[in-house]
Protein backbone atom coordinates (compact mmCIF):
# COMPACT_ATOMS: atom_id res chain seq x y z
CA UNK A 1 12.93 11.12 -19.44
CA UNK A 2 15.60 9.97 -17.29
CA UNK A 3 19.42 10.46 -18.00
CA UNK A 4 20.63 7.23 -18.97
CA UNK A 5 24.30 6.33 -19.76
CA UNK A 6 23.48 4.17 -22.80
CA UNK A 7 20.64 3.55 -25.13
CA UNK A 8 18.36 0.63 -24.25
CA UNK A 9 16.92 -1.51 -27.15
CA UNK A 10 13.89 -2.48 -25.13
CA UNK A 11 12.82 1.24 -24.39
CA UNK A 12 11.02 3.26 -26.80
CA UNK A 13 11.00 6.89 -25.55
CA UNK A 14 7.94 7.88 -27.63
CA UNK A 15 5.91 5.02 -26.27
CA UNK A 16 6.94 5.79 -22.74
CA UNK A 17 5.90 9.61 -23.09
CA UNK A 18 2.57 8.50 -24.35
CA UNK A 19 1.94 5.78 -21.73
CA UNK A 20 3.05 8.10 -18.91
CA UNK A 21 -0.25 9.85 -19.32
CA UNK A 22 -2.14 7.06 -17.62
CA UNK A 23 -1.00 6.26 -14.15
CA UNK A 24 0.09 2.62 -12.99
CA UNK A 25 -2.39 1.87 -10.45
CA UNK A 26 -2.64 -0.89 -7.92
CA UNK A 27 -5.99 -2.99 -7.77
CA UNK A 28 -5.35 -3.86 -4.08
CA UNK A 29 -4.30 -1.75 -1.09
CA UNK A 30 -0.47 -1.45 -0.71
CA UNK A 31 1.73 -1.16 2.28
CA UNK A 32 4.47 1.25 1.19
CA UNK A 33 7.09 3.13 3.17
CA UNK A 34 6.26 6.70 1.94
CA UNK A 35 3.36 8.75 0.69
CA UNK A 36 2.30 7.91 -2.89
CA UNK A 37 -0.76 7.60 -5.18
CA UNK A 38 -1.98 4.19 -4.19
CA UNK A 39 -4.61 3.31 -1.60
CA UNK A 40 -3.38 1.89 1.63
CA UNK A 41 -5.33 -0.51 3.84
CA UNK A 42 -4.81 1.93 6.80
CA UNK A 43 -6.65 5.14 7.35
CA UNK A 44 -4.42 8.41 7.21
CA UNK A 45 -4.28 11.93 5.87
CA UNK A 46 -5.48 12.65 2.39
CA UNK A 47 -8.19 14.82 0.64
CA UNK A 48 -10.49 11.73 0.14
CA UNK A 49 -13.05 11.14 2.92
CA UNK A 50 -13.57 7.54 3.92
CA UNK A 51 -15.98 7.21 6.74
CA UNK A 52 -16.99 8.67 10.29
CA UNK A 53 -15.95 6.78 13.36
CA UNK A 54 -16.93 7.34 16.95
CA UNK A 55 -14.71 9.49 18.91
CA UNK A 56 -12.48 7.48 21.55
CA UNK A 57 -10.20 9.21 24.20
CA UNK A 58 -6.90 10.02 22.71
CA UNK A 59 -8.15 10.80 19.16
CA UNK A 60 -6.68 14.16 17.67
CA UNK A 61 -9.55 16.70 18.56
CA UNK A 62 -8.92 18.47 15.29
CA UNK A 63 -10.54 15.63 13.40
CA UNK A 64 -13.86 16.01 15.33
CA UNK A 65 -16.75 16.75 13.09
CA UNK A 66 -18.57 19.48 14.84
CA UNK A 67 -21.41 19.58 12.35
CA UNK A 68 -22.13 15.76 13.09
CA UNK A 69 -22.01 16.59 16.79
CA UNK A 70 -24.47 19.49 16.43
CA UNK A 71 -26.92 17.12 14.58
CA UNK A 72 -26.55 13.95 16.66
CA UNK A 73 -25.12 15.38 19.99
CA UNK A 74 -22.44 12.85 19.67
CA UNK A 75 -18.67 13.11 18.81
CA UNK A 76 -17.53 11.81 15.61
CA UNK A 77 -14.08 11.64 14.00
CA UNK A 78 -13.65 12.15 10.16
CA UNK A 79 -11.49 9.15 8.58
CA UNK A 80 -9.62 9.88 5.31
CA UNK A 81 -8.00 7.34 3.01
CA UNK A 82 -4.05 6.84 3.34
CA UNK A 83 -2.06 7.08 0.17
CA UNK A 84 1.28 5.28 -0.27
CA UNK A 85 3.71 3.96 -2.56
CA UNK A 86 3.84 0.37 -4.17
CA UNK A 87 6.49 -2.14 -4.82
CA UNK A 88 6.50 -3.47 -8.38
CA UNK A 89 8.23 -6.87 -8.65
CA UNK A 90 8.66 -8.03 -12.27
CA UNK A 91 9.03 -11.90 -12.61
CA UNK A 92 10.63 -12.50 -16.04
CA UNK A 93 10.68 -16.13 -17.31
CA UNK A 94 14.13 -16.80 -18.84
CA UNK A 95 13.55 -20.40 -19.67
CA UNK A 96 14.50 -21.84 -23.03
CA UNK A 97 11.08 -21.56 -24.58
CA UNK A 98 11.21 -17.73 -24.44
CA UNK A 99 13.86 -17.70 -26.99
CA UNK A 100 11.35 -18.42 -29.73
CA UNK A 101 10.19 -15.91 -32.18
CA UNK A 102 8.88 -15.94 -35.74
CA UNK A 103 7.87 -12.23 -36.35
CA UNK A 104 11.25 -10.65 -35.92
CA UNK A 105 11.14 -10.62 -32.16
CA UNK A 106 11.50 -13.36 -29.59
CA UNK A 107 9.27 -13.72 -26.49
CA UNK A 108 12.15 -12.80 -24.08
CA UNK A 109 12.76 -9.64 -26.20
CA UNK A 110 9.17 -8.70 -26.00
CA UNK A 111 9.21 -9.34 -22.30
CA UNK A 112 12.07 -7.07 -21.89
CA UNK A 113 9.98 -4.14 -23.55
CA UNK A 114 7.07 -4.59 -21.21
CA UNK A 115 9.24 -5.04 -18.00
CA UNK A 116 11.52 -2.00 -18.94
CA UNK A 117 8.67 0.34 -19.67
CA UNK A 118 6.50 -0.73 -16.48
CA UNK A 119 9.61 -0.24 -14.45
CA UNK A 120 10.15 3.21 -15.85
CA UNK A 121 6.62 4.26 -15.41
CA UNK A 122 6.49 2.98 -11.75
CA UNK A 123 9.84 4.64 -11.07
CA UNK A 124 8.54 8.10 -12.38
CA UNK A 125 5.57 7.82 -9.90
CA UNK A 126 8.00 7.28 -7.08
CA UNK A 127 7.30 3.72 -6.65
CA UNK A 128 10.04 0.89 -5.82
CA UNK A 129 10.90 -1.55 -8.63
CA UNK A 130 12.54 -4.96 -8.48
CA UNK A 131 13.21 -8.03 -10.75
CA UNK A 132 13.39 -11.73 -10.71
CA UNK A 133 14.75 -13.68 -13.56
CA UNK A 134 13.67 -17.26 -13.21
CA UNK A 135 13.98 -20.55 -15.18
CA UNK A 136 14.69 -23.79 -13.25
CA UNK A 137 15.15 -21.46 -10.28
CA UNK A 138 15.67 -17.77 -9.41
CA UNK A 139 18.64 -16.84 -11.85
CA UNK A 140 18.89 -13.29 -10.94
CA UNK A 141 17.14 -11.21 -8.20
CA UNK A 142 17.09 -7.50 -7.53
CA UNK A 143 14.83 -6.39 -4.59
CA UNK A 144 12.43 -3.38 -5.05
CA UNK A 145 14.00 0.03 -4.35
CA UNK A 146 13.18 3.56 -5.43
CA UNK A 147 16.38 5.02 -6.64
CA UNK A 148 17.30 6.18 -10.17
CA UNK A 149 20.62 4.15 -9.89
CA UNK A 150 18.67 0.89 -8.93
CA UNK A 151 16.36 1.44 -11.94
CA UNK A 152 19.69 1.59 -14.30
CA UNK A 153 21.00 -1.68 -12.52
CA UNK A 154 17.64 -3.32 -13.32
CA UNK A 155 17.87 -2.30 -16.91
CA UNK A 156 21.34 -3.58 -17.05
CA UNK A 157 20.17 -6.90 -15.88
CA UNK A 158 17.32 -6.88 -18.47
CA UNK A 159 19.74 -6.15 -21.15
CA UNK A 160 22.22 -8.99 -20.17
CA UNK A 161 19.65 -11.82 -19.40
CA UNK A 162 19.58 -14.65 -21.95
CA UNK A 163 17.08 -17.34 -22.15
CA UNK A 164 17.83 -21.03 -21.41
CA UNK A 165 17.10 -24.10 -19.33
CA UNK A 166 13.96 -25.79 -18.26
CA UNK A 167 10.80 -24.06 -16.74
CA UNK A 168 10.24 -24.36 -13.03
CA UNK A 169 7.83 -21.57 -12.78
CA UNK A 170 5.44 -22.98 -10.40
CA UNK A 171 7.99 -23.80 -7.29
CA UNK A 172 9.60 -20.47 -8.04
CA UNK A 173 6.47 -18.66 -7.77
CA UNK A 174 5.78 -20.40 -4.39
CA UNK A 175 9.27 -19.29 -3.26
CA UNK A 176 8.52 -15.67 -4.28
CA UNK A 177 5.16 -15.74 -2.48
CA UNK A 178 7.07 -16.56 0.82
CA UNK A 179 10.17 -14.33 0.12
CA UNK A 180 8.25 -11.10 -0.94
CA UNK A 181 6.84 -10.29 2.56
CA UNK A 182 5.23 -6.97 1.74
CA UNK A 183 2.24 -6.35 -0.48
CA UNK A 184 3.37 -5.78 -3.88
CA UNK A 185 2.23 -5.52 -7.59
CA UNK A 186 3.85 -8.74 -9.06
CA UNK A 187 3.80 -8.81 -12.83
CA UNK A 188 4.71 -12.18 -14.33
CA UNK A 189 6.05 -12.44 -17.98
CA UNK A 190 5.94 -15.82 -19.34
CA UNK A 191 4.47 -18.11 -21.98
CA UNK A 192 3.22 -20.26 -19.02
CA UNK A 193 3.84 -23.64 -20.68
CA UNK A 194 3.05 -25.41 -17.27
CA UNK A 195 -0.04 -27.44 -16.09
CA UNK A 196 -2.85 -25.01 -15.27
CA UNK A 197 -3.91 -27.16 -12.21
CA UNK A 198 -0.29 -26.69 -10.74
CA UNK A 199 -0.39 -22.98 -11.53
CA UNK A 200 -3.68 -22.62 -9.59
CA UNK A 201 -1.84 -23.33 -6.22
CA UNK A 202 0.95 -20.81 -6.68
CA UNK A 203 -1.47 -18.04 -7.80
CA UNK A 204 -3.63 -18.60 -4.81
CA UNK A 205 -0.51 -18.59 -2.63
CA UNK A 206 0.46 -15.05 -3.99
CA UNK A 207 -3.07 -13.86 -3.50
CA UNK A 208 -3.27 -15.28 0.11
CA UNK A 209 -0.23 -13.15 0.67
CA UNK A 210 -2.19 -10.06 -0.36
CA UNK A 211 -0.20 -9.31 -3.54
CA UNK A 212 -1.84 -7.93 -6.65
CA UNK A 213 -0.83 -10.33 -9.45
CA UNK A 214 -0.80 -9.56 -13.12
CA UNK A 215 0.11 -12.18 -15.86
CA UNK A 216 1.15 -11.46 -19.37
CA UNK A 217 1.12 -14.63 -21.28
CA UNK A 218 3.39 -14.18 -24.57
CA UNK A 219 2.81 -16.41 -27.44
CA UNK A 220 4.13 -16.36 -30.98
CA UNK A 221 1.56 -16.52 -33.90
CA UNK A 222 3.12 -19.65 -35.09
CA UNK A 223 2.19 -21.26 -31.72
CA UNK A 224 -1.45 -20.38 -32.12
CA UNK A 225 -2.11 -20.90 -35.73
CA UNK A 226 0.54 -23.83 -36.42
CA UNK A 227 0.95 -22.75 -39.98
CA UNK A 228 3.54 -25.28 -41.02
CA UNK A 229 3.30 -26.63 -44.58
CA UNK A 230 5.95 -29.24 -44.90
CA UNK A 231 7.49 -32.17 -42.83
CA UNK A 232 10.00 -30.86 -40.12
CA UNK A 233 11.67 -31.57 -36.95
CA UNK A 234 10.26 -29.75 -33.77
CA UNK A 235 12.90 -29.14 -31.26
CA UNK A 236 12.05 -28.69 -27.43
CA UNK A 237 13.78 -25.46 -26.47
CA UNK A 238 14.08 -26.52 -22.93
CA UNK A 239 16.13 -29.80 -23.67
CA UNK A 240 13.48 -32.42 -24.35
CA UNK A 241 13.63 -34.89 -27.21
CA UNK A 242 12.99 -33.46 -30.72
CA UNK A 243 9.94 -34.90 -32.74
CA UNK A 244 9.82 -35.23 -36.66
CA UNK A 245 6.37 -34.80 -37.79
CA UNK A 246 4.03 -34.15 -40.84
CA UNK A 247 2.13 -30.88 -39.58
CA UNK A 248 -1.04 -31.64 -41.54
CA UNK A 249 -1.54 -34.92 -39.82
CA UNK A 250 -1.12 -33.25 -36.27
CA UNK A 251 -2.62 -29.81 -36.90
CA UNK A 252 -6.13 -30.87 -35.55
CA UNK A 253 -4.88 -32.67 -32.50
CA UNK A 254 -2.60 -29.66 -31.73
CA UNK A 255 -5.42 -27.05 -31.95
CA UNK A 256 -7.67 -29.07 -29.66
CA UNK A 257 -4.81 -29.56 -27.14
CA UNK A 258 -4.05 -25.87 -27.26
CA UNK A 259 -7.61 -24.93 -26.95
CA UNK A 260 -8.01 -27.19 -23.98
CA UNK A 261 -4.91 -25.68 -22.30
CA UNK A 262 -6.01 -22.24 -22.96
CA UNK A 263 -9.60 -22.93 -21.47
CA UNK A 264 -8.10 -24.55 -18.41
CA UNK A 265 -5.60 -21.65 -17.79
CA UNK A 266 -8.29 -19.01 -18.26
CA UNK A 267 -10.46 -20.99 -15.80
CA UNK A 268 -7.62 -21.02 -13.20
CA UNK A 269 -6.87 -17.14 -13.45
CA UNK A 270 -10.45 -16.32 -13.17
CA UNK A 271 -10.88 -18.32 -9.97
CA UNK A 272 -7.59 -16.87 -8.67
CA UNK A 273 -8.73 -13.27 -9.32
CA UNK A 274 -5.58 -12.62 -11.36
CA UNK A 275 -5.31 -9.82 -13.90
CA UNK A 276 -4.58 -11.80 -17.05
CA UNK A 277 -3.28 -10.69 -20.46
CA UNK A 278 -2.76 -12.94 -23.38
CA UNK A 279 -0.57 -11.32 -25.79
CA UNK A 280 0.86 -12.41 -29.24
CA UNK A 281 4.19 -11.11 -30.45
CA UNK A 282 2.75 -9.31 -33.54
CA UNK A 283 0.76 -7.00 -31.38
CA UNK A 284 2.11 -3.53 -30.35
CA UNK A 285 3.59 -3.68 -26.94
CA UNK A 286 2.36 0.02 -26.38
CA UNK A 287 -1.02 -1.04 -27.17
CA UNK A 288 -0.76 -4.00 -24.87
CA UNK A 289 0.56 -1.81 -21.86
CA UNK A 290 -2.16 0.82 -22.60
CA UNK A 291 -4.99 -1.77 -22.15
CA UNK A 292 -3.31 -2.71 -18.96
CA UNK A 293 -2.88 0.55 -17.47
CA UNK A 294 -6.34 1.90 -18.51
CA UNK A 295 -7.97 -1.36 -17.23
CA UNK A 296 -6.44 -0.91 -13.79
CA UNK A 297 -7.64 2.73 -13.40
CA UNK A 298 -11.12 1.14 -13.26
CA UNK A 299 -10.27 -0.93 -10.36
CA UNK A 300 -8.11 1.23 -8.47
CA UNK A 301 -7.56 0.50 -4.73
CA UNK A 302 -10.42 -2.06 -4.40
CA UNK A 303 -10.38 -2.90 -0.58
């Protein structure tokens, strides 16, 4: 573990030590500044052979394959995969709806656990980490860097961040697609209560910029099951009007609307080739992250 000045409520040292056994891999080639463990779109020097290429004047003669020359009487150069580091950019939704939770933990608290754990794991690999806290705009922004002091700053921001305000996730993601100029692993933590069709455009914008995008949709069990038994007032946590309703009378319509929303969102993420993880707050965050990490080892460095 690293030497932190203070305990962090969102970090579990036992879980981190177990998760560290599985590397955090990028699904897409990255463009880093130093050597690392992630596939680069460029050729370079590593132990993993990529392909043969015909010799052209100016190539390093030490890379000639003399066995290939003996078989074909032609000069060929060996190409190898280049390995680099990545930039992990965490996008944390801090809008009002993220302050809801019925299981002893709110969505924003659960999101802090995932964000802090991924930042630590990436930093231990030598990767750069950054953070954008978003609501009706970009509330806080920390560009990706690789130093331990930078990681502590990110933890400080995570600890201080509070939820509130309206969700403007779609325009913010479009803005991030333009401002994060170099390829990055972008992890978005939100309940994604936006129109799926609007979300399609910003996800495709991020993919067009060659980013590797992962989405964690955080939902409370009450939002999924709607297990309310008596008349009550439902309050919009992002400033909209409240509604007094009898749950038994609206439960069927609520479930149909929720299923329609879930189906449309799934169709959008599949079409956009986004790594999508629906999560309920009663799940162990360690198990959620383990599934995420293991799943990425199977698709590492797809060109």
